[in-house]
Amino acid sequence: MNILVRYQGSTATLSPTGFIDEYTANDFREKLNELIDSGVRTVELDMAGVDFMDSTGIGVLLSRYKIMKSKGITMQLSHCNRQVDKLFRLTGIYSIIATR
């Protein structure tokens, strides 16, 4: 998995590519932690390049969302491809995390 981060003002767009699973979840978690500590106010997760996400990735996403929310940081999901969109619909992620 590769992760690109772009900053524009107080917004950071994180664009992971590849798989977010038990083998790559730690990298995903660390990158989100860096954003939490960076002082940004909004984190957009551009999911267009994510080919697969398992329950470990969902766990990281939800745990970092909870931390961000407690610190007043907004998390948004965008460009979810067909597979990720289906996963997020089935797990109810869209009822928790806003989409853009």
PDB file of N, CA and C in Angstrom:
ATOM      1  N   MET A   1       0.843  -1.173   0.000  1.00  0.00           N
ATOM      2  CA  MET A   1       0.000   0.000   0.000  1.00  0.00           C
ATOM      3  C   MET A   1       0.889   1.237   0.000  1.00  0.00           C
ATOM      4  N   ASN A   2       0.522   2.186  -0.835  1.00  0.00           N
ATOM      5  CA  ASN A   2       1.156   3.499  -0.837  1.00  0.00           C
ATOM      6  C   ASN A   2       0.135   4.501  -0.327  1.00  0.00           C
ATOM      7  N   ILE A   3       0.626   5.554   0.317  1.00  0.00           N
ATOM      8  CA  ILE A   3      -0.264   6.590   0.838  1.00  0.00           C
ATOM      9  C   ILE A   3       0.302   7.954   0.462  1.00  0.00           C
ATOM     10  N   LEU A   4      -0.489   8.714  -0.275  1.00  0.00           N
ATOM     11  CA  LEU A   4      -0.132  10.078  -0.652  1.00  0.00           C
ATOM     12  C   LEU A   4      -0.947  11.025   0.215  1.00  0.00           C
ATOM     13  N   VAL A   5      -0.285  12.066   0.733  1.00  0.00           N
ATOM     14  CA  VAL A   5      -0.989  13.078   1.516  1.00  0.00           C
ATOM     15  C   VAL A   5      -0.759  14.430   0.858  1.00  0.00           C
ATOM     16  N   ARG A   6      -1.865  15.156   0.639  1.00  0.00           N
ATOM     17  CA  ARG A   6      -1.799  16.516   0.092  1.00  0.00           C
ATOM     18  C   ARG A   6      -2.454  17.453   1.095  1.00  0.00           C
ATOM     19  N   TYR A   7      -1.834  18.609   1.277  1.00  0.00           N
ATOM     20  CA  TYR A   7      -2.358  19.603   2.206  1.00  0.00           C
ATOM     21  C   TYR A   7      -2.844  20.816   1.433  1.00  0.00           C
ATOM     22  N   GLN A   8      -3.981  21.349   1.860  1.00  0.00           N
ATOM     23  CA  GLN A   8      -4.492  22.604   1.323  1.00  0.00           C
ATOM     24  C   GLN A   8      -5.114  23.345   2.503  1.00  0.00           C
ATOM     25  N   GLY A   9      -4.394  24.326   2.998  1.00  0.00           N
ATOM     26  CA  GLY A   9      -4.846  25.043   4.178  1.00  0.00           C
ATOM     27  C   GLY A   9      -4.919  24.100   5.363  1.00  0.00           C
ATOM     28  N   SER A  10      -6.079  24.069   6.023  1.00  0.00           N
ATOM     29  CA  SER A  10      -6.249  23.212   7.198  1.00  0.00           C
ATOM     30  C   SER A  10      -6.853  21.851   6.846  1.00  0.00           C
ATOM     31  N   THR A  11      -6.850  21.511   5.550  1.00  0.00           N
ATOM     32  CA  THR A  11      -7.378  20.228   5.089  1.00  0.00           C
ATOM     33  C   THR A  11      -6.256  19.356   4.549  1.00  0.00           C
ATOM     34  N   ALA A  12      -6.276  18.101   4.936  1.00  0.00           N
ATOM     35  CA  ALA A  12      -5.334  17.114   4.399  1.00  0.00           C
ATOM     36  C   ALA A  12      -6.142  16.059   3.661  1.00  0.00           C
ATOM     37  N   THR A  13      -5.702  15.729   2.452  1.00  0.00           N
ATOM     38  CA  THR A  13      -6.325  14.653   1.690  1.00  0.00           C
ATOM     39  C   THR A  13      -5.364  13.478   1.683  1.00  0.00           C
ATOM     40  N   LEU A  14      -5.820  12.363   2.215  1.00  0.00           N
ATOM     41  CA  LEU A  14      -5.023  11.143   2.293  1.00  0.00           C
ATOM     42  C   LEU A  14      -5.549  10.191   1.231  1.00  0.00           C
ATOM     43  N   SER A  15      -4.659   9.755   0.345  1.00  0.00           N
ATOM     44  CA  SER A  15      -5.050   8.879  -0.765  1.00  0.00           C
ATOM     45  C   SER A  15      -4.268   7.571  -0.699  1.00  0.00           C
ATOM     46  N   PRO A  16      -4.825   6.563  -0.021  1.00  0.00           N
ATOM     47  CA  PRO A  16      -4.155   5.255  -0.006  1.00  0.00           C
ATOM     48  C   PRO A  16      -4.435   4.502  -1.304  1.00  0.00           C
ATOM     49  N   THR A  17      -3.513   3.643  -1.685  1.00  0.00           N
ATOM     50  CA  THR A  17      -3.725   2.786  -2.853  1.00  0.00           C
ATOM     51  C   THR A  17      -3.388   1.349  -2.482  1.00  0.00           C
ATOM     52  N   GLY A  18      -4.072   0.419  -3.115  1.00  0.00           N
ATOM     53  CA  GLY A  18      -3.814  -0.988  -2.858  1.00  0.00           C
ATOM     54  C   GLY A  18      -4.751  -1.557  -1.814  1.00  0.00           C
ATOM     55  N   PHE A  19      -4.215  -2.451  -0.988  1.00  0.00           N
ATOM     56  CA  PHE A  19      -4.996  -3.148   0.031  1.00  0.00           C
ATOM     57  C   PHE A  19      -4.819  -2.480   1.390  1.00  0.00           C
ATOM     58  N   ILE A  20      -5.909  -2.377   2.139  1.00  0.00           N
ATOM     59  CA  ILE A  20      -5.837  -1.998   3.550  1.00  0.00           C
ATOM     60  C   ILE A  20      -6.336  -3.213   4.317  1.00  0.00           C
ATOM     61  N   ASP A  21      -5.367  -3.976   4.823  1.00  0.00           N
ATOM     62  CA  ASP A  21      -5.690  -5.226   5.498  1.00  0.00           C
ATOM     63  C   ASP A  21      -4.760  -5.402   6.692  1.00  0.00           C
ATOM     64  N   GLU A  22      -4.749  -6.602   7.268  1.00  0.00           N
ATOM     65  CA  GLU A  22      -3.951  -6.835   8.468  1.00  0.00           C
ATOM     66  C   GLU A  22      -2.456  -6.588   8.251  1.00  0.00           C
ATOM     67  N   TYR A  23      -1.997  -6.668   7.013  1.00  0.00           N
ATOM     68  CA  TYR A  23      -0.574  -6.476   6.732  1.00  0.00           C
ATOM     69  C   TYR A  23      -0.206  -5.012   6.538  1.00  0.00           C
ATOM     70  N   THR A  24      -1.158  -4.186   6.138  1.00  0.00           N
ATOM     71  CA  THR A  24      -0.863  -2.774   5.853  1.00  0.00           C
ATOM     72  C   THR A  24      -1.558  -1.809   6.808  1.00  0.00           C
ATOM     73  N   ALA A  25      -2.405  -2.334   7.688  1.00  0.00           N
ATOM     74  CA  ALA A  25      -3.204  -1.474   8.572  1.00  0.00           C
ATOM     75  C   ALA A  25      -2.335  -0.596   9.465  1.00  0.00           C
ATOM     76  N   ASN A  26      -1.196  -1.092   9.890  1.00  0.00           N
ATOM     77  CA  ASN A  26      -0.337  -0.289  10.761  1.00  0.00           C
ATOM     78  C   ASN A  26       0.161   0.968  10.040  1.00  0.00           C
ATOM     79  N   ASP A  27       0.529   0.842   8.769  1.00  0.00           N
ATOM     80  CA  ASP A  27       0.953   2.017   7.997  1.00  0.00           C
ATOM     81  C   ASP A  27      -0.185   3.025   7.868  1.00  0.00           C
ATOM     82  N   PHE A  28      -1.380   2.530   7.623  1.00  0.00           N
ATOM     83  CA  PHE A  28      -2.568   3.369   7.510  1.00  0.00           C
ATOM     84  C   PHE A  28      -2.817   4.098   8.836  1.00  0.00           C
ATOM     85  N   ARG A  29      -2.739   3.352   9.943  1.00  0.00           N
ATOM     86  CA  ARG A  29      -2.932   3.921  11.281  1.00  0.00           C
ATOM     87  C   ARG A  29      -1.898   5.003  11.563  1.00  0.00           C
ATOM     88  N   GLU A  30      -0.640   4.724  11.271  1.00  0.00           N
ATOM     89  CA  GLU A  30       0.434   5.692  11.539  1.00  0.00           C
ATOM     90  C   GLU A  30       0.244   6.978  10.742  1.00  0.00           C
ATOM     91  N   LYS A  31      -0.163   6.848   9.480  1.00  0.00           N
ATOM     92  CA  LYS A  31      -0.369   8.039   8.649  1.00  0.00           C
ATOM     93  C   LYS A  31      -1.530   8.864   9.189  1.00  0.00           C
ATOM     94  N   LEU A  32      -2.603   8.202   9.608  1.00  0.00           N
ATOM     95  CA  LEU A  32      -3.728   8.927  10.207  1.00  0.00           C
ATOM     96  C   LEU A  32      -3.314   9.590  11.520  1.00  0.00           C
ATOM     97  N   ASN A  33      -2.499   8.912  12.318  1.00  0.00           N
ATOM     98  CA  ASN A  33      -2.000   9.502  13.562  1.00  0.00           C
ATOM     99  C   ASN A  33      -1.176  10.757  13.287  1.00  0.00           C
ATOM    100  N   GLU A  34      -0.361  10.714  12.243  1.00  0.00           N
ATOM    101  CA  GLU A  34       0.425  11.892  11.867  1.00  0.00           C
ATOM    102  C   GLU A  34      -0.495  13.070  11.543  1.00  0.00           C
ATOM    103  N   LEU A  35      -1.580  12.798  10.838  1.00  0.00           N
ATOM    104  CA  LEU A  35      -2.523  13.862  10.491  1.00  0.00           C
ATOM    105  C   LEU A  35      -3.215  14.413  11.736  1.00  0.00           C
ATOM    106  N   ILE A  36      -3.549  13.539  12.671  1.00  0.00           N
ATOM    107  CA  ILE A  36      -4.173  13.975  13.921  1.00  0.00           C
ATOM    108  C   ILE A  36      -3.246  14.943  14.652  1.00  0.00           C
ATOM    109  N   ASP A  37      -1.966  14.635  14.657  1.00  0.00           N
ATOM    110  CA  ASP A  37      -0.986  15.461  15.374  1.00  0.00           C
ATOM    111  C   ASP A  37      -0.518  16.674  14.584  1.00  0.00           C
ATOM    112  N   SER A  38      -0.913  16.785  13.319  1.00  0.00           N
ATOM    113  CA  SER A  38      -0.396  17.859  12.462  1.00  0.00           C
ATOM    114  C   SER A  38      -1.135  19.186  12.611  1.00  0.00           C
ATOM    115  N   GLY A  39      -2.299  19.159  13.232  1.00  0.00           N
ATOM    116  CA  GLY A  39      -3.058  20.391  13.398  1.00  0.00           C
ATOM    117  C   GLY A  39      -4.083  20.654  12.314  1.00  0.00           C
ATOM    118  N   VAL A  40      -4.297  19.712  11.400  1.00  0.00           N
ATOM    119  CA  VAL A  40      -5.321  19.913  10.369  1.00  0.00           C
ATOM    120  C   VAL A  40      -6.701  19.872  11.016  1.00  0.00           C
ATOM    121  N   ARG A  41      -7.660  20.476  10.379  1.00  0.00           N
ATOM    122  CA  ARG A  41      -9.035  20.504  10.904  1.00  0.00           C
ATOM    123  C   ARG A  41      -9.945  19.540  10.143  1.00  0.00           C
ATOM    124  N   THR A  42      -9.564  19.186   8.913  1.00  0.00           N
ATOM    125  CA  THR A  42     -10.356  18.268   8.102  1.00  0.00           C
ATOM    126  C   THR A  42      -9.433  17.249   7.450  1.00  0.00           C
ATOM    127  N   VAL A  43      -9.824  15.993   7.495  1.00  0.00           N
ATOM    128  CA  VAL A  43      -9.099  14.922   6.814  1.00  0.00           C
ATOM    129  C   VAL A  43     -10.064  14.293   5.818  1.00  0.00           C
ATOM    130  N   GLU A  44      -9.702  14.366   4.551  1.00  0.00           N
ATOM    131  CA  GLU A  44     -10.478  13.711   3.504  1.00  0.00           C
ATOM    132  C   GLU A  44      -9.751  12.433   3.118  1.00  0.00           C
ATOM    133  N   LEU A  45     -10.457  11.318   3.149  1.00  0.00           N
ATOM    134  CA  LEU A  45      -9.890  10.043   2.720  1.00  0.00           C
ATOM    135  C   LEU A  45     -10.384   9.762   1.309  1.00  0.00           C
ATOM    136  N   ASP A  46      -9.502   9.926   0.347  1.00  0.00           N
ATOM    137  CA  ASP A  46      -9.810   9.655  -1.058  1.00  0.00           C
ATOM    138  C   ASP A  46      -9.563   8.168  -1.286  1.00  0.00           C
ATOM    139  N   MET A  47     -10.635   7.402  -1.372  1.00  0.00           N
ATOM    140  CA  MET A  47     -10.542   5.945  -1.415  1.00  0.00           C
ATOM    141  C   MET A  47     -10.521   5.374  -2.830  1.00  0.00           C
ATOM    142  N   ALA A  48     -10.358   6.215  -3.832  1.00  0.00           N
ATOM    143  CA  ALA A  48     -10.412   5.765  -5.233  1.00  0.00           C
ATOM    144  C   ALA A  48      -9.399   4.665  -5.542  1.00  0.00           C
ATOM    145  N   GLY A  49      -8.238   4.693  -4.915  1.00  0.00           N
ATOM    146  CA  GLY A  49      -7.191   3.733  -5.226  1.00  0.00           C
ATOM    147  C   GLY A  49      -7.168   2.510  -4.340  1.00  0.00           C
ATOM    148  N   VAL A  50      -8.137   2.369  -3.446  1.00  0.00           N
ATOM    149  CA  VAL A  50      -8.164   1.217  -2.545  1.00  0.00           C
ATOM    150  C   VAL A  50      -8.872   0.056  -3.240  1.00  0.00           C
ATOM    151  N   ASP A  51      -8.132  -1.024  -3.461  1.00  0.00           N
ATOM    152  CA  ASP A  51      -8.667  -2.195  -4.149  1.00  0.00           C
ATOM    153  C   ASP A  51      -9.380  -3.161  -3.211  1.00  0.00           C
ATOM    154  N   PHE A  52      -8.981  -3.150  -1.942  1.00  0.00           N
ATOM    155  CA  PHE A  52      -9.532  -4.107  -0.980  1.00  0.00           C
ATOM    156  C   PHE A  52      -9.339  -3.555   0.418  1.00  0.00           C
ATOM    157  N   MET A  53     -10.333  -3.766   1.274  1.00  0.00           N
ATOM    158  CA  MET A  53     -10.231  -3.386   2.677  1.00  0.00           C
ATOM    159  C   MET A  53     -10.898  -4.477   3.496  1.00  0.00           C
ATOM    160  N   ASP A  54     -10.229  -4.936   4.560  1.00  0.00           N
ATOM    161  CA  ASP A  54     -10.820  -5.963   5.406  1.00  0.00           C
ATOM    162  C   ASP A  54     -11.221  -5.364   6.751  1.00  0.00           C
ATOM    163  N   SER A  55     -11.616  -6.219   7.682  1.00  0.00           N
ATOM    164  CA  SER A  55     -12.097  -5.750   8.977  1.00  0.00           C
ATOM    165  C   SER A  55     -11.019  -5.015   9.772  1.00  0.00           C
ATOM    166  N   THR A  56      -9.755  -5.354   9.556  1.00  0.00           N
ATOM    167  CA  THR A  56      -8.675  -4.645  10.231  1.00  0.00           C
ATOM    168  C   THR A  56      -8.637  -3.195   9.775  1.00  0.00           C
ATOM    169  N   GLY A  57      -8.784  -2.976   8.482  1.00  0.00           N
ATOM    170  CA  GLY A  57      -8.824  -1.619   7.941  1.00  0.00           C
ATOM    171  C   GLY A  57     -10.024  -0.838   8.449  1.00  0.00           C
ATOM    172  N   ILE A  58     -11.175  -1.508   8.531  1.00  0.00           N
ATOM    173  CA  ILE A  58     -12.376  -0.868   9.075  1.00  0.00           C
ATOM    174  C   ILE A  58     -12.130  -0.461  10.524  1.00  0.00           C
ATOM    175  N   GLY A  59     -11.489  -1.329  11.290  1.00  0.00           N
ATOM    176  CA  GLY A  59     -11.190  -1.032  12.692  1.00  0.00           C
ATOM    177  C   GLY A  59     -10.295   0.190  12.832  1.00  0.00           C
ATOM    178  N   VAL A  60      -9.272   0.280  11.992  1.00  0.00           N
ATOM    179  CA  VAL A  60      -8.380   1.443  12.015  1.00  0.00           C
ATOM    180  C   VAL A  60      -9.169   2.698  11.658  1.00  0.00           C
ATOM    181  N   LEU A  61      -9.956   2.615  10.611  1.00  0.00           N
ATOM    182  CA  LEU A  61     -10.744   3.759  10.165  1.00  0.00           C
ATOM    183  C   LEU A  61     -11.650   4.269  11.287  1.00  0.00           C
ATOM    184  N   LEU A  62     -12.368   3.375  11.945  1.00  0.00           N
ATOM    185  CA  LEU A  62     -13.292   3.784  12.996  1.00  0.00           C
ATOM    186  C   LEU A  62     -12.576   4.293  14.245  1.00  0.00           C
ATOM    187  N   SER A  63     -11.473   3.654  14.615  1.00  0.00           N
ATOM    188  CA  SER A  63     -10.758   4.110  15.809  1.00  0.00           C
ATOM    189  C   SER A  63     -10.135   5.490  15.600  1.00  0.00           C
ATOM    190  N   ARG A  64      -9.603   5.745  14.404  1.00  0.00           N
ATOM    191  CA  ARG A  64      -9.030   7.073  14.125  1.00  0.00           C
ATOM    192  C   ARG A  64     -10.137   8.112  13.977  1.00  0.00           C
ATOM    193  N   TYR A  65     -11.284   7.713  13.440  1.00  0.00           N
ATOM    194  CA  TYR A  65     -12.422   8.625  13.356  1.00  0.00           C
ATOM    195  C   TYR A  65     -12.818   9.089  14.760  1.00  0.00           C
ATOM    196  N   LYS A  66     -12.899   8.154  15.683  1.00  0.00           N
ATOM    197  CA  LYS A  66     -13.294   8.470  17.054  1.00  0.00           C
ATOM    198  C   LYS A  66     -12.301   9.456  17.690  1.00  0.00           C
ATOM    199  N   ILE A  67     -11.020   9.237  17.489  1.00  0.00           N
ATOM    200  CA  ILE A  67     -10.001  10.142  18.030  1.00  0.00           C
ATOM    201  C   ILE A  67     -10.124  11.514  17.378  1.00  0.00           C
ATOM    202  N   MET A  68     -10.269  11.532  16.052  1.00  0.00           N
ATOM    203  CA  MET A  68     -10.398  12.810  15.350  1.00  0.00           C
ATOM    204  C   MET A  68     -11.612  13.582  15.837  1.00  0.00           C
ATOM    205  N   LYS A  69     -12.727  12.898  15.967  1.00  0.00           N
ATOM    206  CA  LYS A  69     -13.947  13.555  16.412  1.00  0.00           C
ATOM    207  C   LYS A  69     -13.752  14.178  17.793  1.00  0.00           C
ATOM    208  N   SER A  70     -13.074  13.468  18.684  1.00  0.00           N
ATOM    209  CA  SER A  70     -12.847  13.990  20.037  1.00  0.00           C
ATOM    210  C   SER A  70     -11.944  15.227  20.036  1.00  0.00           C
ATOM    211  N   LYS A  71     -11.143  15.387  18.980  1.00  0.00           N
ATOM    212  CA  LYS A  71     -10.240  16.533  18.870  1.00  0.00           C
ATOM    213  C   LYS A  71     -10.793  17.624  17.957  1.00  0.00           C
ATOM    214  N   GLY A  72     -12.029  17.454  17.503  1.00  0.00           N
ATOM    215  CA  GLY A  72     -12.659  18.456  16.650  1.00  0.00           C
ATOM    216  C   GLY A  72     -12.196  18.427  15.205  1.00  0.00           C
ATOM    217  N   ILE A  73     -11.643  17.305  14.779  1.00  0.00           N
ATOM    218  CA  ILE A  73     -11.196  17.134  13.396  1.00  0.00           C
ATOM    219  C   ILE A  73     -12.292  16.406  12.631  1.00  0.00           C
ATOM    220  N   THR A  74     -12.647  16.923  11.473  1.00  0.00           N
ATOM    221  CA  THR A  74     -13.671  16.307  10.634  1.00  0.00           C
ATOM    222  C   THR A  74     -13.029  15.300   9.686  1.00  0.00           C
ATOM    223  N   MET A  75     -13.606  14.108   9.595  1.00  0.00           N
ATOM    224  CA  MET A  75     -13.159  13.107   8.624  1.00  0.00           C
ATOM    225  C   MET A  75     -14.248  12.959   7.575  1.00  0.00           C
ATOM    226  N   GLN A  76     -13.828  12.916   6.311  1.00  0.00           N
ATOM    227  CA  GLN A  76     -14.754  12.719   5.201  1.00  0.00           C
ATOM    228  C   GLN A  76     -14.227  11.632   4.290  1.00  0.00           C
ATOM    229  N   LEU A  77     -15.121  10.872   3.705  1.00  0.00           N
ATOM    230  CA  LEU A  77     -14.764   9.857   2.715  1.00  0.00           C
ATOM    231  C   LEU A  77     -15.119  10.378   1.330  1.00  0.00           C
ATOM    232  N   SER A  78     -14.278  10.074   0.349  1.00  0.00           N
ATOM    233  CA  SER A  78     -14.595  10.475  -1.022  1.00  0.00           C
ATOM    234  C   SER A  78     -14.092   9.433  -2.012  1.00  0.00           C
ATOM    235  N   HIS A  79     -14.697   9.455  -3.177  1.00  0.00           N
ATOM    236  CA  HIS A  79     -14.287   8.643  -4.327  1.00  0.00           C
ATOM    237  C   HIS A  79     -14.163   7.154  -4.005  1.00  0.00           C
ATOM    238  N   CYS A  80     -15.123   6.638  -3.271  1.00  0.00           N
ATOM    239  CA  CYS A  80     -15.095   5.208  -2.941  1.00  0.00           C
ATOM    240  C   CYS A  80     -15.447   4.411  -4.189  1.00  0.00           C
ATOM    241  N   ASN A  81     -14.554   3.493  -4.556  1.00  0.00           N
ATOM    242  CA  ASN A  81     -14.837   2.660  -5.721  1.00  0.00           C
ATOM    243  C   ASN A  81     -15.931   1.652  -5.374  1.00  0.00           C
ATOM    244  N   ARG A  82     -16.313   0.877  -6.335  1.00  0.00           N
ATOM    245  CA  ARG A  82     -17.449  -0.035  -6.191  1.00  0.00           C
ATOM    246  C   ARG A  82     -17.301  -1.011  -5.018  1.00  0.00           C
ATOM    247  N   GLN A  83     -16.118  -1.619  -4.882  1.00  0.00           N
ATOM    248  CA  GLN A  83     -15.916  -2.602  -3.818  1.00  0.00           C
ATOM    249  C   GLN A  83     -15.925  -1.949  -2.440  1.00  0.00           C
ATOM    250  N   VAL A  84     -15.227  -0.832  -2.309  1.00  0.00           N
ATOM    251  CA  VAL A  84     -15.179  -0.136  -1.021  1.00  0.00           C
ATOM    252  C   VAL A  84     -16.557   0.429  -0.686  1.00  0.00           C
ATOM    253  N   ASP A  85     -17.238   0.960  -1.673  1.00  0.00           N
ATOM    254  CA  ASP A  85     -18.589   1.483  -1.452  1.00  0.00           C
ATOM    255  C   ASP A  85     -19.506   0.376  -0.914  1.00  0.00           C
ATOM    256  N   LYS A  86     -19.437  -0.791  -1.497  1.00  0.00           N
ATOM    257  CA  LYS A  86     -20.269  -1.910  -1.050  1.00  0.00           C
ATOM    258  C   LYS A  86     -19.941  -2.275   0.404  1.00  0.00           C
ATOM    259  N   LEU A  87     -18.664  -2.336   0.730  1.00  0.00           N
ATOM    260  CA  LEU A  87     -18.234  -2.647   2.093  1.00  0.00           C
ATOM    261  C   LEU A  87     -18.753  -1.599   3.077  1.00  0.00           C
ATOM    262  N   PHE A  88     -18.617  -0.319   2.718  1.00  0.00           N
ATOM    263  CA  PHE A  88     -19.057   0.748   3.608  1.00  0.00           C
ATOM    264  C   PHE A  88     -20.572   0.745   3.774  1.00  0.00           C
ATOM    265  N   ARG A  89     -21.290   0.384   2.728  1.00  0.00           N
ATOM    266  CA  ARG A  89     -22.760   0.300   2.845  1.00  0.00           C
ATOM    267  C   ARG A  89     -23.151  -0.863   3.760  1.00  0.00           C
ATOM    268  N   LEU A  90     -22.513  -2.015   3.566  1.00  0.00           N
ATOM    269  CA  LEU A  90     -22.843  -3.197   4.363  1.00  0.00           C
ATOM    270  C   LEU A  90     -22.506  -3.021   5.839  1.00  0.00           C
ATOM    271  N   THR A  91     -21.440  -2.304   6.132  1.00  0.00           N
ATOM    272  CA  THR A  91     -21.007  -2.137   7.519  1.00  0.00           C
ATOM    273  C   THR A  91     -21.598  -0.905   8.187  1.00  0.00           C
ATOM    274  N   GLY A  92     -22.289  -0.064   7.435  1.00  0.00           N
ATOM    275  CA  GLY A  92     -22.897   1.129   8.012  1.00  0.00           C
ATOM    276  C   GLY A  92     -21.941   2.290   8.221  1.00  0.00           C
ATOM    277  N   ILE A  93     -20.774   2.230   7.618  1.00  0.00           N
ATOM    278  CA  ILE A  93     -19.777   3.297   7.769  1.00  0.00           C
ATOM    279  C   ILE A  93     -20.343   4.647   7.337  1.00  0.00           C
ATOM    280  N   TYR A  94     -21.152   4.655   6.282  1.00  0.00           N
ATOM    281  CA  TYR A  94     -21.697   5.922   5.783  1.00  0.00           C
ATOM    282  C   TYR A  94     -22.615   6.605   6.795  1.00  0.00           C
ATOM    283  N   SER A  95     -23.168   5.855   7.724  1.00  0.00           N
ATOM    284  CA  SER A  95     -24.017   6.473   8.750  1.00  0.00           C
ATOM    285  C   SER A  95     -23.173   7.107   9.864  1.00  0.00           C
ATOM    286  N   ILE A  96     -21.878   6.823   9.868  1.00  0.00           N
ATOM    287  CA  ILE A  96     -20.977   7.342  10.894  1.00  0.00           C
ATOM    288  C   ILE A  96     -20.075   8.442  10.336  1.00  0.00           C
ATOM    289  N   ILE A  97     -19.458   8.162   9.187  1.00  0.00           N
ATOM    290  CA  ILE A  97     -18.491   9.086   8.582  1.00  0.00           C
ATOM    291  C   ILE A  97     -19.097   9.736   7.357  1.00  0.00           C
ATOM    292  N   ALA A  98     -19.016  11.054   7.285  1.00  0.00           N
ATOM    293  CA  ALA A  98     -19.591  11.807   6.175  1.00  0.00           C
ATOM    294  C   ALA A  98     -18.868  11.497   4.864  1.00  0.00           C
ATOM    295  N   THR A  99     -19.609  11.646   3.773  1.00  0.00           N
ATOM    296  CA  THR A  99     -19.009  11.496   2.453  1.00  0.00           C
ATOM    297  C   THR A  99     -19.006  12.848   1.773  1.00  0.00           C
ATOM    298  N   ARG A 100     -18.113  12.978   0.847  1.00  0.00           N
ATOM    299  CA  ARG A 100     -17.980  14.220   0.100  1.00  0.00           C
ATOM    300  C   ARG A 100     -18.298  13.974  -1.336  1.00  0.00           C
TER     301      ARG A 100
END
